[in-house]
Protein backbone atom coordinates (compact mmCIF):
# COMPACT_ATOMS: atom_id res chain seq x y z
CA TYR A 1 0.00 0.00 0.00
CA THR A 2 1.31 3.41 -0.90
CA CYS A 3 0.05 6.77 0.25
CA PHE A 4 -0.12 8.41 -3.17
CA LYS A 5 -1.04 7.36 -6.69
CA LYS A 6 1.57 5.40 -8.60
CA GLY A 7 3.87 7.59 -10.61
CA GLN A 8 3.88 10.46 -8.15
CA ALA A 9 7.33 11.40 -6.96
CA ALA A 10 6.17 11.54 -3.34
CA ALA A 11 4.85 7.97 -3.15
CA MET A 12 5.61 6.42 0.23
CA LYS A 13 5.35 2.87 1.51
CA THR A 14 3.22 2.16 4.56
CA GLU A 15 6.29 1.57 6.76
CA GLN A 16 7.66 4.99 5.78
CA ILE A 17 4.38 6.65 6.73
CA LEU A 18 4.27 4.80 10.06
CA ASN A 19 7.79 6.02 10.86
CA LEU A 20 7.05 9.71 10.24
CA ASP A 21 7.63 12.18 13.08
CA TYR A 22 4.19 13.67 13.71
CA ARG A 23 5.70 16.69 15.47
CA LYS A 24 6.65 17.96 11.99
CA LYS A 25 3.93 19.77 10.02
CA GLU A 26 4.85 18.05 6.74
CA SER A 27 4.49 14.63 8.42
CA GLN A 28 1.03 15.57 9.70
CA GLU A 29 0.03 16.55 6.16
CA ILE A 30 1.32 13.24 4.73
CA ILE A 31 -0.57 11.24 7.36
CA GLN A 32 -3.77 13.21 6.66
CA LYS A 33 -3.31 12.58 2.93
CA ALA A 34 -2.80 8.85 3.57
CA LEU A 35 -5.96 8.72 5.71
CA ARG A 36 -7.96 10.48 2.97
CA LYS A 37 -6.99 7.69 0.55
CA ILE A 38 -9.12 5.34 2.69
CA LYS A 39 -12.67 5.42 1.31
CA PRO A 40 -14.68 6.06 4.52
CA LEU A 41 -12.28 8.87 5.45
CA SER A 42 -12.09 10.40 1.96
CA LYS A 43 -15.16 12.56 2.66
CA TYR A 44 -12.88 14.80 4.76
CA SER A 45 -11.37 16.18 1.57
CA ASP A 46 -9.72 19.34 2.86
CA GLU A 47 -10.45 19.25 6.57
CA PHE A 48 -8.66 17.62 9.48
CA ILE A 49 -10.01 14.08 9.94
CA PRO A 50 -11.60 13.81 13.40
CA LEU A 51 -10.30 11.21 15.84
CA GLU A 52 -13.84 9.85 16.20
CA ALA A 53 -13.96 9.06 12.46
CA ILE A 54 -10.65 7.19 12.72
CA GLU A 55 -11.91 5.24 15.74
CA LYS A 56 -15.10 4.31 13.87
CA PHE A 57 -13.09 3.13 10.85
CA ILE A 58 -10.89 0.94 13.08
CA ARG A 59 -14.02 -0.51 14.70
CA VAL A 60 -15.42 -1.37 11.25
CA LEU A 61 -12.16 -3.13 10.29
CA VAL A 62 -12.24 -5.16 13.51
CA GLN A 63 -15.87 -6.14 12.90
CA LYS A 64 -15.34 -7.12 9.23
CA TYR A 65 -11.84 -8.63 9.17
CA GLU A 66 -9.65 -10.99 11.18
CA VAL A 67 -7.46 -8.16 12.50
CA ALA A 68 -7.47 -6.29 15.81
CA PRO A 69 -5.45 -3.95 18.00
CA GLN A 70 -3.77 -5.97 20.75
CA TRP A 71 -2.97 -3.49 23.51
CA MET A 72 -1.95 0.10 24.05
CA THR A 73 0.87 1.28 26.30
CA MET A 74 2.57 4.55 27.11
CA SER A 75 6.33 4.63 27.55
CA TYR A 76 8.32 7.43 29.15
CA PHE A 77 11.76 8.07 27.70
CA GLU A 78 12.44 11.50 29.13
CA PRO A 79 10.52 13.62 31.59
CA THR A 80 8.67 15.23 28.67
CA LEU A 81 8.74 12.50 25.98
CA ASN A 82 5.83 10.05 26.00
CA ILE A 83 5.32 7.48 23.29
CA TYR A 84 2.11 5.52 22.84
CA SER A 85 2.21 2.14 21.13
CA ILE A 86 -0.52 -0.20 19.90
CA GLY A 87 0.08 -3.76 18.79
CA VAL A 88 -1.74 -5.27 15.81
CA LYS A 89 -2.52 -8.98 15.36
CA THR A 90 -4.81 -11.37 13.55
CA THR A 91 -7.79 -12.51 15.59
CA THR A 92 -7.97 -16.23 14.76
CA ASP A 93 -4.36 -17.42 14.79
CA HIS A 94 -3.02 -14.44 16.79
CA LYS A 95 -0.23 -13.77 14.29
CA TRP A 96 1.68 -10.63 15.22
CA LEU A 97 1.49 -8.00 12.46
CA GLY A 98 3.45 -5.21 14.11
CA THR A 99 3.27 -2.20 16.39
CA VAL A 100 2.48 1.43 15.65
CA TYR A 101 3.92 4.32 17.67
CA GLY A 102 2.86 7.90 18.24
CA MET A 103 3.58 10.93 20.39
CA CYS A 104 -0.13 11.63 20.96
CA LEU A 105 -3.35 9.65 20.86
CA TYR A 106 -4.34 11.13 17.50
CA GLU A 107 -1.06 10.10 15.89
CA VAL A 108 -1.12 6.53 17.22
CA PHE A 109 -4.75 5.99 16.13
CA ALA A 110 -4.11 7.53 12.69
CA LYS A 111 -1.15 5.21 12.21
CA LEU A 112 -3.16 2.26 13.53
CA ALA A 113 -5.85 2.91 10.90
CA ILE A 114 -3.20 3.11 8.16
CA LYS A 115 -1.47 -0.08 9.36
CA MET A 116 -4.68 -2.10 9.67
CA TYR A 117 -5.99 -0.86 6.31
CA SER A 118 -2.67 -1.73 4.67
CA GLU A 119 -2.79 -5.26 6.10
CA VAL A 120 -6.37 -5.77 4.89
CA LYS A 121 -5.58 -4.36 1.41
CA SER A 122 -2.58 -6.69 1.12
CA GLY A 123 -5.02 -9.61 0.90
CA LYS A 124 -3.39 -11.44 3.81
CA ILE A 125 -6.26 -10.71 6.22
CA PRO A 126 -9.47 -12.64 5.52
CA ALA A 127 -12.95 -11.32 6.14
CA LYS A 128 -14.57 -12.66 9.28
CA ALA A 129 -16.75 -15.71 8.75
CA THR A 130 -20.24 -15.45 10.16
CA THR A 131 -20.69 -17.85 13.06
CA LYS A 132 -23.75 -20.07 13.47
CA GLU A 133 -24.93 -17.92 16.38
CA GLU A 134 -24.58 -14.73 14.35
CA LYS A 135 -26.57 -16.23 11.47
CA GLU A 136 -29.34 -17.24 13.88
CA ARG A 137 -29.41 -13.73 15.40
CA GLU A 138 -29.58 -12.16 11.94
CA ALA A 139 -32.49 -14.48 11.00
CA LYS A 140 -34.38 -13.50 14.16
CA VAL A 141 -33.81 -9.79 13.52
CA ALA A 142 -34.97 -10.16 9.91
CA LYS A 143 -38.26 -11.63 11.14
CA LEU A 144 -39.01 -8.59 13.34
């Protein structure tokens, strides 16, 4: 997955985007541009994408695909330097897919959305199969 259309000089790989320093304005712009490439977030064409929209998108990915955030921690490296991290794994076989890092909650969730979307788009993450119980629930709801 790349942030920009093929052929553009500024095309970046997902790993490069995830390693950007969000304290820099140009990095914030690149991350916003990458988020806008994701269909549900593309409606925020020229505005800052709200954290709530990113959270909702992550929730949709977790509901539809075999991928999930593992945990979130905050590490202190200096008295003023905090780094958040969130692990990403598959939900059935618990295969570790990586960790995203950020200096603030917005950054770590933005990078989490990019990471999870990239994994899904790679074709390595299957859609969730509907369980027997879920099918029965859906049938009951349809009858209402």
